[in-house]
PDB file of N, CA and C in Angstrom:
ATOM      1  N   MET A   1     -93.854 -70.865   4.462  1.00  0.00           N
ATOM      2  CA  MET A   1     -94.316 -71.991   5.299  1.00  0.00           C
ATOM      3  C   MET A   1     -93.489 -71.979   6.686  1.00  0.00           C
ATOM      4  N   ALA A   2     -94.237 -71.923   7.761  1.00  0.00           N
ATOM      5  CA  ALA A   2     -93.461 -72.004   9.060  1.00  0.00           C
ATOM      6  C   ALA A   2     -93.002 -73.370   9.207  1.00  0.00           C
ATOM      7  N   ASP A   3     -91.965 -73.396  10.093  1.00  0.00           N
ATOM      8  CA  ASP A   3     -91.297 -74.770  10.380  1.00  0.00           C
ATOM      9  C   ASP A   3     -92.240 -75.732  11.181  1.00  0.00           C
ATOM     10  N   ASP A   4     -93.180 -75.148  11.842  1.00  0.00           N
ATOM     11  CA  ASP A   4     -94.084 -75.999  12.661  1.00  0.00           C
ATOM     12  C   ASP A   4     -95.360 -76.403  11.942  1.00  0.00           C
ATOM     13  N   ASP A   5     -95.544 -75.922  10.643  1.00  0.00           N
ATOM     14  CA  ASP A   5     -96.728 -76.402   9.935  1.00  0.00           C
ATOM     15  C   ASP A   5     -96.617 -77.797   9.491  1.00  0.00           C
ATOM     16  N   PRO A   6     -97.575 -78.718   9.791  1.00  0.00           N
ATOM     17  CA  PRO A   6     -97.591 -80.090   9.435  1.00  0.00           C
ATOM     18  C   PRO A   6     -97.460 -80.155   8.005  1.00  0.00           C
ATOM     19  N   THR A   7     -96.780 -81.187   7.542  1.00  0.00           N
ATOM     20  CA  THR A   7     -96.651 -81.541   6.079  1.00  0.00           C
ATOM     21  C   THR A   7     -96.974 -82.975   5.931  1.00  0.00           C
ATOM     22  N   VAL A   8     -97.454 -83.406   4.717  1.00  0.00           N
ATOM     23  CA  VAL A   8     -97.935 -84.669   4.405  1.00  0.00           C
ATOM     24  C   VAL A   8     -97.225 -85.172   3.189  1.00  0.00           C
ATOM     25  N   PRO A   9     -96.677 -86.378   3.134  1.00  0.00           N
ATOM     26  CA  PRO A   9     -95.986 -86.905   2.073  1.00  0.00           C
ATOM     27  C   PRO A   9     -97.001 -87.383   1.006  1.00  0.00           C
ATOM     28  N   ILE A  10     -96.655 -86.913  -0.293  1.00  0.00           N
ATOM     29  CA  ILE A  10     -97.516 -87.406  -1.388  1.00  0.00           C
ATOM     30  C   ILE A  10     -96.526 -88.083  -2.345  1.00  0.00           C
ATOM     31  N   ILE A  11     -97.132 -89.062  -3.111  1.00  0.00           N
ATOM     32  CA  ILE A  11     -96.330 -89.890  -3.974  1.00  0.00           C
ATOM     33  C   ILE A  11     -97.098 -89.829  -5.400  1.00  0.00           C
ATOM     34  N   CYS A  12     -96.190 -89.953  -6.387  1.00  0.00           N
ATOM     35  CA  CYS A  12     -96.779 -90.197  -7.675  1.00  0.00           C
ATOM     36  C   CYS A  12     -95.896 -91.258  -8.367  1.00  0.00           C
ATOM     37  N   GLU A  13     -96.382 -92.425  -8.346  1.00  0.00           N
ATOM     38  CA  GLU A  13     -95.556 -93.565  -8.968  1.00  0.00           C
ATOM     39  C   GLU A  13     -95.436 -93.442 -10.341  1.00  0.00           C
ATOM     40  N   GLU A  14     -96.357 -92.844 -11.075  1.00  0.00           N
ATOM     41  CA  GLU A  14     -96.158 -92.728 -12.489  1.00  0.00           C
ATOM     42  C   GLU A  14     -95.053 -91.705 -12.897  1.00  0.00           C
ATOM     43  N   CYS A  15     -94.930 -90.609 -12.040  1.00  0.00           N
ATOM     44  CA  CYS A  15     -93.899 -89.627 -12.284  1.00  0.00           C
ATOM     45  C   CYS A  15     -92.563 -90.032 -11.619  1.00  0.00           C
ATOM     46  N   GLY A  16     -92.654 -90.925 -10.744  1.00  0.00           N
ATOM     47  CA  GLY A  16     -91.488 -91.295  -9.935  1.00  0.00           C
ATOM     48  C   GLY A  16     -91.161 -90.227  -8.987  1.00  0.00           C
ATOM     49  N   THR A  17     -92.144 -89.470  -8.320  1.00  0.00           N
ATOM     50  CA  THR A  17     -91.869 -88.440  -7.499  1.00  0.00           C
ATOM     51  C   THR A  17     -92.462 -88.645  -6.075  1.00  0.00           C
ATOM     52  N   GLU A  18     -91.871 -88.056  -5.134  1.00  0.00           N
ATOM     53  CA  GLU A  18     -92.363 -88.133  -3.707  1.00  0.00           C
ATOM     54  C   GLU A  18     -92.002 -86.758  -3.154  1.00  0.00           C
ATOM     55  N   THR A  19     -92.942 -86.087  -2.480  1.00  0.00           N
ATOM     56  CA  THR A  19     -92.638 -84.790  -1.864  1.00  0.00           C
ATOM     57  C   THR A  19     -93.464 -84.612  -0.638  1.00  0.00           C
ATOM     58  N   ARG A  20     -93.228 -83.560   0.131  1.00  0.00           N
ATOM     59  CA  ARG A  20     -94.036 -83.251   1.253  1.00  0.00           C
ATOM     60  C   ARG A  20     -94.748 -81.869   1.084  1.00  0.00           C
ATOM     61  N   VAL A  21     -95.937 -81.815   1.313  1.00  0.00           N
ATOM     62  CA  VAL A  21     -96.641 -80.431   1.259  1.00  0.00           C
ATOM     63  C   VAL A  21     -97.339 -80.163   2.494  1.00  0.00           C
ATOM     64  N   PRO A  22     -97.625 -78.895   2.665  1.00  0.00           N
ATOM     65  CA  PRO A  22     -98.273 -78.491   3.824  1.00  0.00           C
ATOM     66  C   PRO A  22     -99.671 -79.082   3.806  1.00  0.00           C
ATOM     67  N   LEU A  23    -100.167 -79.439   5.015  1.00  0.00           N
ATOM     68  CA  LEU A  23    -101.450 -80.034   5.159  1.00  0.00           C
ATOM     69  C   LEU A  23    -102.561 -79.095   4.576  1.00  0.00           C
ATOM     70  N   ASP A  24    -102.507 -77.903   4.827  1.00  0.00           N
ATOM     71  CA  ASP A  24    -103.462 -76.968   4.381  1.00  0.00           C
ATOM     72  C   ASP A  24    -103.590 -76.721   2.876  1.00  0.00           C
ATOM     73  N   GLY A  25    -102.632 -77.190   2.219  1.00  0.00           N
ATOM     74  CA  GLY A  25    -102.526 -77.190   0.646  1.00  0.00           C
ATOM     75  C   GLY A  25    -102.611 -78.447   0.042  1.00  0.00           C
ATOM     76  N   LEU A  26    -102.813 -79.507   0.833  1.00  0.00           N
ATOM     77  CA  LEU A  26    -102.711 -80.913   0.261  1.00  0.00           C
ATOM     78  C   LEU A  26    -103.793 -81.035  -0.850  1.00  0.00           C
ATOM     79  N   ALA A  27    -105.034 -80.882  -0.645  1.00  0.00           N
ATOM     80  CA  ALA A  27    -105.981 -81.179  -1.641  1.00  0.00           C
ATOM     81  C   ALA A  27    -105.646 -80.334  -2.928  1.00  0.00           C
ATOM     82  N   GLU A  28    -105.423 -79.153  -2.828  1.00  0.00           N
ATOM     83  CA  GLU A  28    -105.133 -78.254  -4.075  1.00  0.00           C
ATOM     84  C   GLU A  28    -103.903 -78.747  -4.660  1.00  0.00           C
ATOM     85  N   THR A  29    -102.769 -79.177  -4.058  1.00  0.00           N
ATOM     86  CA  THR A  29    -101.548 -79.616  -4.623  1.00  0.00           C
ATOM     87  C   THR A  29    -101.824 -80.943  -5.453  1.00  0.00           C
ATOM     88  N   LEU A  30    -102.581 -81.939  -4.824  1.00  0.00           N
ATOM     89  CA  LEU A  30    -102.842 -83.126  -5.464  1.00  0.00           C
ATOM     90  C   LEU A  30    -103.706 -82.919  -6.703  1.00  0.00           C
ATOM     91  N   GLU A  31    -104.778 -82.054  -6.513  1.00  0.00           N
ATOM     92  CA  GLU A  31    -105.579 -81.722  -7.655  1.00  0.00           C
ATOM     93  C   GLU A  31    -104.818 -81.098  -8.870  1.00  0.00           C
ATOM     94  N   ARG A  32    -103.982 -80.146  -8.544  1.00  0.00           N
ATOM     95  CA  ARG A  32    -103.229 -79.376  -9.518  1.00  0.00           C
ATOM     96  C   ARG A  32    -102.319 -80.394 -10.221  1.00  0.00           C
ATOM     97  N   HIS A  33    -101.525 -81.180  -9.506  1.00  0.00           N
ATOM     98  CA  HIS A  33    -100.605 -82.152 -10.102  1.00  0.00           C
ATOM     99  C   HIS A  33    -101.376 -83.177 -11.040  1.00  0.00           C
ATOM    100  N   ASN A  34    -102.465 -83.788 -10.520  1.00  0.00           N
ATOM    101  CA  ASN A  34    -103.154 -84.662 -11.399  1.00  0.00           C
ATOM    102  C   ASN A  34    -103.859 -84.038 -12.539  1.00  0.00           C
ATOM    103  N   GLU A  35    -104.260 -82.829 -12.428  1.00  0.00           N
ATOM    104  CA  GLU A  35    -104.924 -82.226 -13.534  1.00  0.00           C
ATOM    105  C   GLU A  35    -103.873 -81.833 -14.617  1.00  0.00           C
ATOM    106  N   ASN A  36    -102.690 -81.328 -14.206  1.00  0.00           N
ATOM    107  CA  ASN A  36    -101.585 -80.946 -15.091  1.00  0.00           C
ATOM    108  C   ASN A  36    -100.867 -82.089 -15.727  1.00  0.00           C
ATOM    109  N   ARG A  37    -100.716 -83.134 -14.996  1.00  0.00           N
ATOM    110  CA  ARG A  37     -99.730 -84.222 -15.426  1.00  0.00           C
ATOM    111  C   ARG A  37    -100.519 -85.456 -15.874  1.00  0.00           C
ATOM    112  N   HIS A  38    -101.781 -85.685 -15.375  1.00  0.00           N
ATOM    113  CA  HIS A  38    -102.480 -86.857 -15.585  1.00  0.00           C
ATOM    114  C   HIS A  38    -103.874 -86.744 -16.141  1.00  0.00           C
ATOM    115  N   ASP A  39    -104.111 -85.529 -16.766  1.00  0.00           N
ATOM    116  CA  ASP A  39    -105.491 -85.219 -17.250  1.00  0.00           C
ATOM    117  C   ASP A  39    -106.538 -85.486 -16.279  1.00  0.00           C
ATOM    118  N   GLY A  40    -106.289 -85.159 -15.023  1.00  0.00           N
ATOM    119  CA  GLY A  40    -107.353 -85.305 -14.036  1.00  0.00           C
ATOM    120  C   GLY A  40    -107.515 -86.557 -13.318  1.00  0.00           C
ATOM    121  N   GLU A  41    -106.777 -87.638 -13.917  1.00  0.00           N
ATOM    122  CA  GLU A  41    -106.840 -88.929 -13.199  1.00  0.00           C
ATOM    123  C   GLU A  41    -106.153 -88.905 -11.921  1.00  0.00           C
ATOM    124  N   GLN A  42    -106.688 -89.515 -10.921  1.00  0.00           N
ATOM    125  CA  GLN A  42    -106.164 -89.482  -9.552  1.00  0.00           C
ATOM    126  C   GLN A  42    -104.959 -90.443  -9.381  1.00  0.00           C
ATOM    127  N   ILE A  43    -103.824 -90.017  -9.873  1.00  0.00           N
ATOM    128  CA  ILE A  43    -102.644 -90.849  -9.783  1.00  0.00           C
ATOM    129  C   ILE A  43    -101.781 -90.486  -8.645  1.00  0.00           C
ATOM    130  N   ALA A  44    -101.344 -89.264  -8.396  1.00  0.00           N
ATOM    131  CA  ALA A  44    -100.677 -88.737  -7.264  1.00  0.00           C
ATOM    132  C   ALA A  44    -101.652 -88.918  -6.042  1.00  0.00           C
ATOM    133  N   GLN A  45    -101.072 -89.254  -4.951  1.00  0.00           N
ATOM    134  CA  GLN A  45    -101.810 -89.507  -3.649  1.00  0.00           C
ATOM    135  C   GLN A  45    -101.094 -89.387  -2.476  1.00  0.00           C
ATOM    136  N   VAL A  46    -101.791 -89.230  -1.326  1.00  0.00           N
ATOM    137  CA  VAL A  46    -101.141 -89.237  -0.021  1.00  0.00           C
ATOM    138  C   VAL A  46    -100.476 -90.682   0.076  1.00  0.00           C
ATOM    139  N   ASP A  47     -99.285 -90.674   0.637  1.00  0.00           N
ATOM    140  CA  ASP A  47     -98.456 -91.923   0.898  1.00  0.00           C
ATOM    141  C   ASP A  47     -99.525 -92.853   1.580  1.00  0.00           C
ATOM    142  N   PRO A  48     -99.806 -94.044   0.874  1.00  0.00           N
ATOM    143  CA  PRO A  48    -100.759 -94.928   1.454  1.00  0.00           C
ATOM    144  C   PRO A  48    -100.604 -95.278   2.953  1.00  0.00           C
ATOM    145  N   ASP A  49     -99.337 -95.524   3.375  1.00  0.00           N
ATOM    146  CA  ASP A  49     -99.151 -95.971   4.741  1.00  0.00           C
ATOM    147  C   ASP A  49     -99.570 -94.761   5.655  1.00  0.00           C
ATOM    148  N   ILE A  50     -99.295 -93.550   5.236  1.00  0.00           N
ATOM    149  CA  ILE A  50     -99.714 -92.315   6.120  1.00  0.00           C
ATOM    150  C   ILE A  50    -101.200 -92.246   6.007  1.00  0.00           C
ATOM    151  N   ALA A  51    -101.872 -92.483   4.926  1.00  0.00           N
ATOM    152  CA  ALA A  51    -103.332 -92.316   4.766  1.00  0.00           C
ATOM    153  C   ALA A  51    -103.957 -93.417   5.666  1.00  0.00           C
ATOM    154  N   ASP A  52    -103.488 -94.589   5.693  1.00  0.00           N
ATOM    155  CA  ASP A  52    -104.004 -95.641   6.526  1.00  0.00           C
ATOM    156  C   ASP A  52    -103.834 -95.333   8.047  1.00  0.00           C
ATOM    157  N   ARG A  53    -102.732 -94.744   8.406  1.00  0.00           N
ATOM    158  CA  ARG A  53    -102.449 -94.300   9.765  1.00  0.00           C
ATOM    159  C   ARG A  53    -103.428 -93.289  10.164  1.00  0.00           C
ATOM    160  N   ILE A  54    -103.560 -92.238   9.237  1.00  0.00           N
ATOM    161  CA  ILE A  54    -104.536 -91.214   9.569  1.00  0.00           C
ATOM    162  C   ILE A  54    -105.911 -91.716   9.817  1.00  0.00           C
ATOM    163  N   ALA A  55    -106.425 -92.553   8.918  1.00  0.00           N
ATOM    164  CA  ALA A  55    -107.686 -93.187   9.025  1.00  0.00           C
ATOM    165  C   ALA A  55    -107.803 -93.957  10.336  1.00  0.00           C
ATOM    166  N   ASP A  56    -106.844 -94.642  10.777  1.00  0.00           N
ATOM    167  CA  ASP A  56    -106.905 -95.383  12.042  1.00  0.00           C
ATOM    168  C   ASP A  56    -107.024 -94.387  13.262  1.00  0.00           C
ATOM    169  N   LEU A  57    -106.256 -93.312  13.173  1.00  0.00           N
ATOM    170  CA  LEU A  57    -106.315 -92.281  14.273  1.00  0.00           C
ATOM    171  C   LEU A  57    -107.677 -91.717  14.356  1.00  0.00           C
ATOM    172  N   VAL A  58    -108.299 -91.263  13.191  1.00  0.00           N
ATOM    173  CA  VAL A  58    -109.575 -90.752  13.219  1.00  0.00           C
ATOM    174  C   VAL A  58    -110.591 -91.740  13.683  1.00  0.00           C
ATOM    175  N   ALA A  59    -110.581 -92.997  13.248  1.00  0.00           N
ATOM    176  CA  ALA A  59    -111.534 -94.094  13.758  1.00  0.00           C
ATOM    177  C   ALA A  59    -111.380 -94.274  15.185  1.00  0.00           C
ATOM    178  N   ASP A  60    -110.171 -94.196  15.770  1.00  0.00           N
ATOM    179  CA  ASP A  60    -110.017 -94.340  17.153  1.00  0.00           C
ATOM    180  C   ASP A  60    -110.459 -93.082  17.909  1.00  0.00           C
ATOM    181  N   ASP A  61    -110.340 -91.940  17.414  1.00  0.00           N
ATOM    182  CA  ASP A  61    -110.817 -90.650  18.027  1.00  0.00           C
ATOM    183  C   ASP A  61    -112.349 -90.679  18.046  1.00  0.00           C
ATOM    184  N   LEU A  62    -112.988 -91.229  16.972  1.00  0.00           N
ATOM    185  CA  LEU A  62    -114.330 -91.299  16.950  1.00  0.00           C
ATOM    186  C   LEU A  62    -115.016 -92.576  17.791  1.00  0.00           C
ATOM    187  N   GLY A  63    -114.085 -93.350  18.302  1.00  0.00           N
ATOM    188  CA  GLY A  63    -114.555 -94.528  19.110  1.00  0.00           C
ATOM    189  C   GLY A  63    -115.058 -95.666  18.154  1.00  0.00           C
ATOM    190  N   LEU A  64    -114.696 -95.658  16.958  1.00  0.00           N
ATOM    191  CA  LEU A  64    -115.073 -96.740  15.979  1.00  0.00           C
ATOM    192  C   LEU A  64    -114.312 -98.009  16.197  1.00  0.00           C
ATOM    193  N   LEU A  65    -113.167 -98.028  16.926  1.00  0.00           N
ATOM    194  CA  LEU A  65    -112.343 -99.214  17.073  1.00  0.00           C
ATOM    195  C   LEU A  65    -112.519 -99.894  18.361  1.00  0.00           C
ATOM    196  N   GLU A  66    -113.338 -99.257  19.181  1.00  0.00           N
ATOM    197  CA  GLU A  66    -113.627 -99.766  20.584  1.00  0.00           C
ATOM    198  C   GLU A  66    -114.462-101.031  20.446  1.00  0.00           C
ATOM    199  N   GLU A  67    -113.972-102.089  21.241  1.00  0.00           N
ATOM    200  CA  GLU A  67    -114.684-103.460  21.271  1.00  0.00           C
ATOM    201  C   GLU A  67    -115.796-103.322  22.164  1.00  0.00           C
ATOM    202  N   ASP A  68    -116.858-103.935  21.778  1.00  0.00           N
ATOM    203  CA  ASP A  68    -118.075-104.148  22.787  1.00  0.00           C
ATOM    204  C   ASP A  68    -117.759-105.242  23.709  1.00  0.00           C
ATOM    205  N   GLY A  69    -117.988-104.986  24.855  1.00  0.00           N
ATOM    206  CA  GLY A  69    -117.653-106.041  25.845  1.00  0.00           C
ATOM    207  C   GLY A  69    -118.028-105.880  27.181  1.00  0.00           C
TER     208      GLY A  69
END
């Protein structure tokens, strides 16, 4: 992994773990962890604060947060 590759924090409260993974491997890492450790149940996830911030950025970029006026 190159030093400039973006990483995303993922947490698993059930396992008590937190790690950062490259953005391009995020879905695969989450799926593999949840499949291997939690019988496929979606326990590990992107840090909720980061997920909310990303959602806000995307909504802003799409113009969904603009007020009519």
